[in-house]
């Protein structure tokens, strides 16, 4: 199949493109800077906000992956919606048969954060061009370079003692980035009718605090945690920016989402793409190993 990957140079995209090629697909790696792209696939210049560039990138494509989202601006929700709307229209015009989107876990009945609401909006907007959309909803993706994982690792490594807000008691279901790639590749040829969303996650459901303590134990560190229930999201995001590489705006948007429990409610993806996902300890070891290698 001829596949376009929007977000090819990102954390997930740079792993997905070679996996798609290994599976026998022809890959077009969508990027705003093709001259600097050094990953798998044929680089093609396009931006999700530029309809003309998308028409060229999507021409003759059988399917497209949409891995684009932003957290580093106050109006990220509008920007993500505009990009999804433009991409959907271009994909429909080009005759693309399916869009695969990597979204976010979260119960629709919950009071979802702006970040998670944006992910739901993008799901819906990608379908407005008439192309069926397969969505994989994930929580924290564990892998070298992923924002949520790097925040976890850096907190553990930089702070032997930390004050923590209430979100450290929220449950999540982390998944290894390698397993996300296996689901993304596998679902492309799975028998899915129309638009459908699937939850994906690893086997472990954990509180954020448990995740950090596990990383500390693996690295042979001692971590003392002092809960502070009244630590506000604004103060938390500024604190994160001081002790990690996550900027204040991105940190604020991530922290707002950490009050929402993000666990798998429907594991039917396991029947379509059958394999055993890595547990959290194995995911952490893989991420640390990749970082150590370079």
Protein backbone atom coordinates (compact mmCIF):
# COMPACT_ATOMS: atom_id res chain seq x y z
CA UNK A 1 0.00 0.00 0.00
CA UNK A 2 1.01 3.62 -0.54
CA UNK A 3 1.01 5.28 2.86
CA UNK A 4 1.38 8.92 3.90
CA UNK A 5 2.60 9.57 7.45
CA UNK A 6 1.76 13.01 8.83
CA UNK A 7 4.13 13.64 11.73
CA UNK A 8 6.86 11.40 10.31
CA UNK A 9 9.68 13.11 12.18
CA UNK A 10 8.01 12.98 15.59
CA UNK A 11 8.45 10.60 18.52
CA UNK A 12 6.09 7.96 17.08
CA UNK A 13 6.41 8.79 13.39
CA UNK A 14 10.15 8.22 13.16
CA UNK A 15 9.58 4.69 14.48
CA UNK A 16 6.46 4.01 12.43
CA UNK A 17 7.92 4.82 8.99
CA UNK A 18 10.62 2.09 9.03
CA UNK A 19 8.13 -0.41 10.50
CA UNK A 20 5.73 0.27 7.62
CA UNK A 21 8.52 -0.20 5.10
CA UNK A 22 9.48 -3.49 6.76
CA UNK A 23 5.84 -4.56 6.37
CA UNK A 24 6.15 -3.99 2.62
CA UNK A 25 4.42 -0.62 2.27
CA UNK A 26 5.54 2.39 0.22
CA UNK A 27 5.93 5.29 2.64
CA UNK A 28 5.74 9.03 2.07
CA UNK A 29 7.09 10.87 5.09
CA UNK A 30 5.27 14.18 5.41
CA UNK A 31 7.47 16.97 6.75
CA UNK A 32 7.76 20.74 6.57
CA UNK A 33 11.52 20.39 6.04
CA UNK A 34 12.18 17.53 3.58
CA UNK A 35 15.75 18.70 3.02
CA UNK A 36 16.55 17.91 6.66
CA UNK A 37 14.62 14.64 6.89
CA UNK A 38 16.86 11.60 7.36
CA UNK A 39 14.33 8.92 8.31
CA UNK A 40 12.65 6.09 6.42
CA UNK A 41 10.35 6.69 3.48
CA UNK A 42 10.29 9.32 0.74
CA UNK A 43 10.16 12.82 2.26
CA UNK A 44 7.40 15.04 0.90
CA UNK A 45 6.93 18.69 1.83
CA UNK A 46 3.53 19.38 3.39
CA UNK A 47 1.86 20.92 6.42
CA UNK A 48 -1.51 19.90 7.84
CA UNK A 49 -2.63 23.54 7.69
CA UNK A 50 -1.73 23.96 3.99
CA UNK A 51 -4.37 22.46 1.68
CA UNK A 52 -2.29 22.82 -1.49
CA UNK A 53 0.68 20.97 -0.02
CA UNK A 54 -1.60 18.23 1.28
CA UNK A 55 -3.16 17.72 -2.15
CA UNK A 56 0.30 16.94 -3.51
CA UNK A 57 1.36 14.74 -0.57
CA UNK A 58 -1.83 12.66 -0.53
CA UNK A 59 -2.23 12.18 -4.30
CA UNK A 60 -2.50 8.46 -5.08
CA UNK A 61 -2.21 7.39 -1.43
CA UNK A 62 -4.17 4.38 -0.20
CA UNK A 63 -4.05 5.30 3.49
CA UNK A 64 -2.67 7.96 5.81
CA UNK A 65 -1.48 8.10 9.41
CA UNK A 66 -2.22 11.24 11.39
CA UNK A 67 0.27 11.66 14.26
CA UNK A 68 0.03 15.43 14.63
CA UNK A 69 -0.83 17.21 17.88
CA UNK A 70 0.56 20.10 19.88
CA UNK A 71 0.69 21.10 23.53
CA UNK A 72 3.11 24.03 23.56
CA UNK A 73 0.71 26.92 22.91
CA UNK A 74 -2.33 28.26 24.79
CA UNK A 75 -4.55 27.89 21.70
CA UNK A 76 -3.32 24.40 20.76
CA UNK A 77 -6.90 23.11 20.66
CA UNK A 78 -7.91 25.46 17.83
CA UNK A 79 -4.71 24.77 15.90
CA UNK A 80 -5.18 21.01 16.15
CA UNK A 81 -8.82 21.29 15.06
CA UNK A 82 -7.94 23.44 12.04
CA UNK A 83 -5.20 21.02 10.97
CA UNK A 84 -7.46 17.97 11.30
CA UNK A 85 -10.23 19.66 9.31
CA UNK A 86 -7.87 20.61 6.48
CA UNK A 87 -6.28 17.15 6.40
CA UNK A 88 -9.68 15.42 6.32
CA UNK A 89 -10.83 17.47 3.35
CA UNK A 90 -7.61 16.84 1.42
CA UNK A 91 -7.73 13.09 2.18
CA UNK A 92 -11.28 12.90 0.90
CA UNK A 93 -10.40 14.72 -2.32
CA UNK A 94 -7.41 12.43 -2.87
CA UNK A 95 -9.49 9.26 -2.51
CA UNK A 96 -7.62 7.98 0.56
CA UNK A 97 -9.30 4.79 1.80
CA UNK A 98 -8.46 5.05 5.50
CA UNK A 99 -6.93 7.40 8.07
CA UNK A 100 -5.27 5.94 11.17
CA UNK A 101 -5.07 8.35 14.10
CA UNK A 102 -3.21 8.03 17.41
CA UNK A 103 -5.42 9.65 20.04
CA UNK A 104 -5.69 9.63 23.82
CA UNK A 105 -7.38 7.39 26.38
CA UNK A 106 -10.01 8.79 28.72
CA UNK A 107 -13.62 8.10 29.66
CA UNK A 108 -16.03 10.30 27.68
CA UNK A 109 -18.25 10.46 30.78
CA UNK A 110 -15.41 12.06 32.74
CA UNK A 111 -14.69 15.81 32.90
CA UNK A 112 -11.92 15.54 30.32
CA UNK A 113 -9.06 18.03 30.16
CA UNK A 114 -8.62 20.36 27.18
CA UNK A 115 -5.82 18.10 25.96
CA UNK A 116 -8.01 14.98 25.93
CA UNK A 117 -11.02 16.86 24.58
CA UNK A 118 -8.82 18.07 21.73
CA UNK A 119 -7.88 14.47 20.92
CA UNK A 120 -11.60 13.56 20.72
CA UNK A 121 -12.32 16.57 18.51
CA UNK A 122 -9.53 15.58 16.13
CA UNK A 123 -10.99 12.05 15.89
CA UNK A 124 -14.32 13.49 14.81
CA UNK A 125 -12.91 16.13 12.47
CA UNK A 126 -10.69 13.65 10.62
CA UNK A 127 -13.86 11.83 9.54
CA UNK A 128 -15.55 14.94 8.08
CA UNK A 129 -13.93 14.41 4.66
CA UNK A 130 -15.73 11.10 4.19
CA UNK A 131 -12.70 8.87 4.87
CA UNK A 132 -13.14 6.14 7.55
CA UNK A 133 -10.93 6.78 10.59
CA UNK A 134 -9.39 4.10 12.78
CA UNK A 135 -8.33 5.64 16.10
CA UNK A 136 -5.97 4.05 18.59
CA UNK A 137 -6.32 5.69 22.01
CA UNK A 138 -3.26 5.47 24.25
CA UNK A 139 -2.23 6.82 27.65
CA UNK A 140 1.42 7.37 28.55
CA UNK A 141 3.71 6.00 25.85
CA UNK A 142 6.99 4.80 27.33
CA UNK A 143 9.95 5.37 25.03
CA UNK A 144 13.04 7.52 24.70
CA UNK A 145 12.03 11.01 23.60
CA UNK A 146 8.34 10.82 24.49
CA UNK A 147 7.22 13.89 26.47
CA UNK A 148 5.27 12.08 29.20
CA UNK A 149 7.97 9.45 29.64
CA UNK A 150 10.77 12.03 29.72
CA UNK A 151 8.88 14.01 32.35
CA UNK A 152 8.61 10.85 34.49
CA UNK A 153 12.27 9.89 34.06
CA UNK A 154 13.65 13.37 34.68
CA UNK A 155 11.55 13.88 37.81
CA UNK A 156 12.95 10.66 39.25
CA UNK A 157 16.56 11.39 38.26
CA UNK A 158 16.63 15.06 39.30
CA UNK A 159 14.69 14.95 42.55
CA UNK A 160 15.62 12.49 45.33
CA UNK A 161 12.76 14.12 47.27
CA UNK A 162 9.73 15.82 45.77
CA UNK A 163 6.47 17.42 46.76
CA UNK A 164 3.62 16.06 44.68
CA UNK A 165 0.05 17.15 43.91
CA UNK A 166 -3.02 14.93 43.92
CA UNK A 167 -2.56 13.76 40.32
CA UNK A 168 0.16 11.32 41.40
CA UNK A 169 -2.66 9.08 42.66
CA UNK A 170 -4.45 8.99 39.29
CA UNK A 171 -4.43 5.64 37.52
CA UNK A 172 -3.02 5.21 34.04
CA UNK A 173 -2.13 2.30 31.77
CA UNK A 174 1.28 2.92 30.16
CA UNK A 175 2.31 1.24 26.94
CA UNK A 176 5.72 0.72 25.32
CA UNK A 177 6.30 2.73 22.15
CA UNK A 178 7.31 -0.47 20.33
CA UNK A 179 3.90 -1.93 21.12
CA UNK A 180 2.17 1.23 19.89
CA UNK A 181 3.99 0.76 16.59
CA UNK A 182 2.89 -2.88 16.39
CA UNK A 183 -0.73 -1.83 16.86
CA UNK A 184 -0.44 1.02 14.34
CA UNK A 185 1.03 -1.25 11.67
CA UNK A 186 -1.27 -4.16 12.43
CA UNK A 187 -4.53 -2.23 12.41
CA UNK A 188 -3.87 -0.95 8.88
CA UNK A 189 -4.76 -4.30 7.31
CA UNK A 190 -7.14 -5.52 10.03
CA UNK A 191 -10.81 -6.04 9.02
CA UNK A 192 -12.27 -2.82 10.45
CA UNK A 193 -15.54 -1.52 9.00
CA UNK A 194 -16.15 2.22 8.93
CA UNK A 195 -14.77 4.53 11.62
CA UNK A 196 -13.90 2.96 14.95
CA UNK A 197 -11.83 3.75 18.05
CA UNK A 198 -9.75 1.19 19.97
CA UNK A 199 -8.12 1.48 23.39
CA UNK A 200 -4.50 0.33 23.63
CA UNK A 201 -2.36 -0.14 26.73
CA UNK A 202 0.16 -2.38 28.41
CA UNK A 203 -0.80 -5.03 30.98
CA UNK A 204 -0.16 -2.82 34.06
CA UNK A 205 -2.63 -0.32 35.52
CA UNK A 206 -0.67 1.99 37.84
CA UNK A 207 -0.82 5.27 39.68
CA UNK A 208 1.65 7.92 38.47
CA UNK A 209 3.37 7.67 41.83
CA UNK A 210 3.84 3.91 41.37
CA UNK A 211 5.30 4.54 37.92
CA UNK A 212 7.89 6.96 39.33
CA UNK A 213 8.79 4.65 42.21
CA UNK A 214 9.29 1.79 39.76
CA UNK A 215 11.69 3.89 37.68
CA UNK A 216 13.58 4.88 40.84
CA UNK A 217 13.88 1.25 41.89
CA UNK A 218 15.15 0.17 38.46
CA UNK A 219 17.78 2.95 38.52
CA UNK A 220 18.80 2.17 42.10
CA UNK A 221 17.60 5.52 43.42
CA UNK A 222 15.86 6.50 46.63
CA UNK A 223 12.82 8.74 46.15
CA UNK A 224 11.01 10.44 49.02
CA UNK A 225 7.55 11.76 48.15
CA UNK A 226 5.67 14.37 50.17
CA UNK A 227 2.04 14.81 48.96
CA UNK A 228 0.79 18.42 48.84
CA UNK A 229 -2.95 18.36 47.98
CA UNK A 230 -3.19 22.11 47.29
CA UNK A 231 -0.37 22.33 44.75
CA UNK A 232 -2.15 24.06 41.83
CA UNK A 233 -1.73 23.11 38.13
CA UNK A 234 -0.07 26.47 37.50
CA UNK A 235 2.49 25.95 40.25
CA UNK A 236 2.97 22.31 39.21
CA UNK A 237 3.75 23.30 35.61
CA UNK A 238 6.29 25.93 36.71
CA UNK A 239 7.88 23.38 39.03
CA UNK A 240 8.10 20.87 36.16
CA UNK A 241 9.79 23.43 33.89
CA UNK A 242 12.47 24.01 36.55
CA UNK A 243 13.41 20.36 37.04
CA UNK A 244 12.68 18.83 33.61
CA UNK A 245 13.04 19.82 29.96
CA UNK A 246 9.24 20.21 29.62
CA UNK A 247 8.27 23.86 29.01
CA UNK A 248 5.67 25.60 31.19
CA UNK A 249 2.82 25.55 28.65
CA UNK A 250 3.30 21.90 27.69
CA UNK A 251 3.63 20.98 31.37
CA UNK A 252 0.40 22.78 32.22
CA UNK A 253 -1.51 20.97 29.47
CA UNK A 254 -0.09 17.59 30.54
CA UNK A 255 -0.83 18.18 34.22
CA UNK A 256 -4.42 19.20 33.45
CA UNK A 257 -4.86 15.75 31.87
CA UNK A 258 -3.35 13.91 34.81
CA UNK A 259 -6.50 14.35 36.85
CA UNK A 260 -8.27 12.11 34.32
CA UNK A 261 -7.96 8.35 34.73
CA UNK A 262 -6.68 6.92 31.43
CA UNK A 263 -7.10 3.14 31.36
CA UNK A 264 -8.26 0.65 28.75
CA UNK A 265 -12.03 0.08 28.88
CA UNK A 266 -12.33 -2.05 25.74
CA UNK A 267 -9.52 -4.47 24.81
CA UNK A 268 -11.06 -5.72 21.55
CA UNK A 269 -7.93 -4.57 19.68
CA UNK A 270 -6.23 -7.65 21.15
CA UNK A 271 -8.35 -9.85 18.86
CA UNK A 272 -7.57 -7.85 15.72
CA UNK A 273 -3.84 -7.42 16.40
CA UNK A 274 -2.92 -10.33 18.70
CA UNK A 275 0.34 -10.15 20.66
CA UNK A 276 1.43 -9.77 24.29
CA UNK A 277 2.37 -6.15 25.10
CA UNK A 278 5.39 -5.48 27.30
CA UNK A 279 4.87 -4.89 31.01
CA UNK A 280 5.90 -1.56 32.53
CA UNK A 281 9.26 -2.73 33.85
CA UNK A 282 10.25 -4.10 30.44
CA UNK A 283 9.06 -0.86 28.79
CA UNK A 284 11.19 1.23 31.14
CA UNK A 285 14.25 -0.95 30.59
CA UNK A 286 13.79 -0.64 26.81
CA UNK A 287 13.48 3.17 27.03
CA UNK A 288 16.53 3.51 29.28
CA UNK A 289 18.49 1.18 27.02
CA UNK A 290 17.66 3.25 23.93
CA UNK A 291 18.73 6.41 25.73
CA UNK A 292 22.02 4.81 26.80
CA UNK A 293 22.76 3.77 23.22
CA UNK A 294 22.59 7.30 21.99
